[in-house]
Every structure is written in structure tokens, then in C-alpha cells.
């Protein structure tokens, strides 16, 4: 299973919100645009 503290972040990858090769900064920029 996935630890509850990171579950939300893991789902963003599983649902295709983020490229697995994206950087932390790129993910933050995407989150800010939503």
C-alpha cells in the first residue's frame, strides 16, 4: 500500500496528472495553474 501522508500525490501520478519524469518545480507549476 501507499503511506497515507503521500497518497494524494501518488494519485496525481496514477491519474496521469503528471509525467513520471517531471521535476518538483514542474509539478508545482501545474498545481498552481489548476
PDB file of N, CA and C in Angstrom:
ATOM      1  N   UNK A   1       0.815  -1.185   0.000  1.00  0.00           N
ATOM      2  CA  UNK A   1       0.000   0.000   0.000  1.00  0.00           C
ATOM      3  C   UNK A   1       0.862   1.253   0.000  1.00  0.00           C
ATOM      4  N   UNK A   2       0.183   2.335  -0.033  1.00  0.00           N
ATOM      5  CA  UNK A   2       0.829   3.650  -0.046  1.00  0.00           C
ATOM      6  C   UNK A   2       0.597   4.318   1.303  1.00  0.00           C
ATOM      7  N   UNK A   3       1.650   4.907   1.845  1.00  0.00           N
ATOM      8  CA  UNK A   3       1.525   5.603   3.127  1.00  0.00           C
ATOM      9  C   UNK A   3       0.526   6.752   2.982  1.00  0.00           C
ATOM     10  N   UNK A   4      -0.379   6.907   3.954  1.00  0.00           N
ATOM     11  CA  UNK A   4      -1.412   7.949   3.862  1.00  0.00           C
ATOM     12  C   UNK A   4      -0.876   9.364   3.645  1.00  0.00           C
ATOM     13  N   UNK A   5       0.326   9.647   4.131  1.00  0.00           N
ATOM     14  CA  UNK A   5       0.857  11.009   4.007  1.00  0.00           C
ATOM     15  C   UNK A   5       1.192  11.396   2.567  1.00  0.00           C
ATOM     16  N   UNK A   6       1.376  10.408   1.672  1.00  0.00           N
ATOM     17  CA  UNK A   6       1.705  10.728   0.275  1.00  0.00           C
ATOM     18  C   UNK A   6       0.647  10.233  -0.707  1.00  0.00           C
ATOM     19  N   UNK A   7      -0.445   9.712  -0.180  1.00  0.00           N
ATOM     20  CA  UNK A   7      -1.476   9.120  -1.031  1.00  0.00           C
ATOM     21  C   UNK A   7      -1.989  10.096  -2.095  1.00  0.00           C
ATOM     22  N   UNK A   8      -2.262  11.345  -1.718  1.00  0.00           N
ATOM     23  CA  UNK A   8      -2.767  12.324  -2.677  1.00  0.00           C
ATOM     24  C   UNK A   8      -1.798  12.579  -3.813  1.00  0.00           C
ATOM     25  N   UNK A   9      -0.534  12.646  -3.487  1.00  0.00           N
ATOM     26  CA  UNK A   9       0.487  12.882  -4.513  1.00  0.00           C
ATOM     27  C   UNK A   9       0.609  11.683  -5.452  1.00  0.00           C
ATOM     28  N   UNK A  10       0.532  10.488  -4.905  1.00  0.00           N
ATOM     29  CA  UNK A  10       0.623   9.278  -5.728  1.00  0.00           C
ATOM     30  C   UNK A  10      -0.543   9.219  -6.709  1.00  0.00           C
ATOM     31  N   UNK A  11      -1.737   9.565  -6.254  1.00  0.00           N
ATOM     32  CA  UNK A  11      -2.902   9.527  -7.144  1.00  0.00           C
ATOM     33  C   UNK A  11      -2.742  10.473  -8.325  1.00  0.00           C
ATOM     34  N   UNK A  12      -2.097  11.614  -8.115  1.00  0.00           N
ATOM     35  CA  UNK A  12      -1.890  12.547  -9.229  1.00  0.00           C
ATOM     36  C   UNK A  12      -1.064  11.907 -10.340  1.00  0.00           C
ATOM     37  N   UNK A  13      -0.117  11.062  -9.976  1.00  0.00           N
ATOM     38  CA  UNK A  13       0.671  10.339 -10.980  1.00  0.00           C
ATOM     39  C   UNK A  13      -0.161   9.236 -11.616  1.00  0.00           C
ATOM     40  N   UNK A  14      -0.889   8.478 -10.802  1.00  0.00           N
ATOM     41  CA  UNK A  14      -1.677   7.358 -11.322  1.00  0.00           C
ATOM     42  C   UNK A  14      -2.771   7.822 -12.277  1.00  0.00           C
ATOM     43  N   UNK A  15      -3.320   8.999 -12.032  1.00  0.00           N
ATOM     44  CA  UNK A  15      -4.386   9.534 -12.886  1.00  0.00           C
ATOM     45  C   UNK A  15      -3.849  10.274 -14.104  1.00  0.00           C
ATOM     46  N   UNK A  16      -2.533  10.345 -14.224  1.00  0.00           N
ATOM     47  CA  UNK A  16      -1.930  10.975 -15.394  1.00  0.00           C
ATOM     48  C   UNK A  16      -1.832  12.481 -15.323  1.00  0.00           C
ATOM     49  N   UNK A  17      -1.972  13.040 -14.138  1.00  0.00           N
ATOM     50  CA  UNK A  17      -1.841  14.496 -13.996  1.00  0.00           C
ATOM     51  C   UNK A  17      -0.407  14.955 -14.236  1.00  0.00           C
ATOM     52  N   UNK A  18       0.551  14.103 -13.900  1.00  0.00           N
ATOM     53  CA  UNK A  18       1.961  14.450 -14.011  1.00  0.00           C
ATOM     54  C   UNK A  18       2.710  13.408 -14.807  1.00  0.00           C
ATOM     55  N   UNK A  19       3.702  13.871 -15.552  1.00  0.00           N
ATOM     56  CA  UNK A  19       4.643  12.977 -16.224  1.00  0.00           C
ATOM     57  C   UNK A  19       5.554  12.382 -15.145  1.00  0.00           C
ATOM     58  N   UNK A  20       5.775  11.082 -15.157  1.00  0.00           N
ATOM     59  CA  UNK A  20       6.657  10.477 -14.149  1.00  0.00           C
ATOM     60  C   UNK A  20       8.072  11.065 -14.139  1.00  0.00           C
ATOM     61  N   UNK A  21       8.495  11.657 -15.235  1.00  0.00           N
ATOM     62  CA  UNK A  21       9.829  12.259 -15.313  1.00  0.00           C
ATOM     63  C   UNK A  21       9.836  13.741 -14.963  1.00  0.00           C
ATOM     64  N   UNK A  22       8.700  14.282 -14.536  1.00  0.00           N
ATOM     65  CA  UNK A  22       8.628  15.705 -14.227  1.00  0.00           C
ATOM     66  C   UNK A  22       9.409  16.017 -12.953  1.00  0.00           C
ATOM     67  N   UNK A  23       9.850  17.266 -12.870  1.00  0.00           N
ATOM     68  CA  UNK A  23      10.576  17.709 -11.683  1.00  0.00           C
ATOM     69  C   UNK A  23       9.586  18.254 -10.658  1.00  0.00           C
ATOM     70  N   UNK A  24      10.071  18.433  -9.452  1.00  0.00           N
ATOM     71  CA  UNK A  24       9.259  19.008  -8.377  1.00  0.00           C
ATOM     72  C   UNK A  24       8.714  20.377  -8.795  1.00  0.00           C
ATOM     73  N   UNK A  25       9.576  21.199  -9.395  1.00  0.00           N
ATOM     74  CA  UNK A  25       9.166  22.540  -9.840  1.00  0.00           C
ATOM     75  C   UNK A  25       8.087  22.470 -10.916  1.00  0.00           C
ATOM     76  N   UNK A  26       8.244  21.572 -11.874  1.00  0.00           N
ATOM     77  CA  UNK A  26       7.240  21.428 -12.935  1.00  0.00           C
ATOM     78  C   UNK A  26       5.889  21.032 -12.345  1.00  0.00           C
ATOM     79  N   UNK A  27       5.892  20.140 -11.375  1.00  0.00           N
ATOM     80  CA  UNK A  27       4.634  19.716 -10.747  1.00  0.00           C
ATOM     81  C   UNK A  27       3.997  20.864  -9.980  1.00  0.00           C
ATOM     82  N   UNK A  28       4.810  21.666  -9.308  1.00  0.00           N
ATOM     83  CA  UNK A  28       4.271  22.822  -8.590  1.00  0.00           C
ATOM     84  C   UNK A  28       3.636  23.820  -9.551  1.00  0.00           C
ATOM     85  N   UNK A  29       4.255  24.033 -10.708  1.00  0.00           N
ATOM     86  CA  UNK A  29       3.690  24.953 -11.696  1.00  0.00           C
ATOM     87  C   UNK A  29       2.347  24.443 -12.203  1.00  0.00           C
ATOM     88  N   UNK A  30       2.244  23.148 -12.441  1.00  0.00           N
ATOM     89  CA  UNK A  30       0.988  22.559 -12.905  1.00  0.00           C
ATOM     90  C   UNK A  30      -0.083  22.712 -11.830  1.00  0.00           C
ATOM     91  N   UNK A  31       0.267  22.471 -10.582  1.00  0.00           N
ATOM     92  CA  UNK A  31      -0.701  22.602  -9.482  1.00  0.00           C
ATOM     93  C   UNK A  31      -1.208  24.037  -9.376  1.00  0.00           C
ATOM     94  N   UNK A  32      -0.331  25.012  -9.559  1.00  0.00           N
ATOM     95  CA  UNK A  32      -0.725  26.414  -9.443  1.00  0.00           C
ATOM     96  C   UNK A  32      -1.669  26.827 -10.562  1.00  0.00           C
ATOM     97  N   UNK A  33      -1.530  26.201 -11.740  1.00  0.00           N
ATOM     98  CA  UNK A  33      -2.394  26.540 -12.879  1.00  0.00           C
ATOM     99  C   UNK A  33      -3.800  25.974 -12.731  1.00  0.00           C
ATOM    100  N   UNK A  34      -3.972  24.962 -11.902  1.00  0.00           N
ATOM    101  CA  UNK A  34      -5.294  24.330 -11.754  1.00  0.00           C
ATOM    102  C   UNK A  34      -6.186  25.112 -10.852  1.00  0.00           C
TER     103      UNK A  34
END
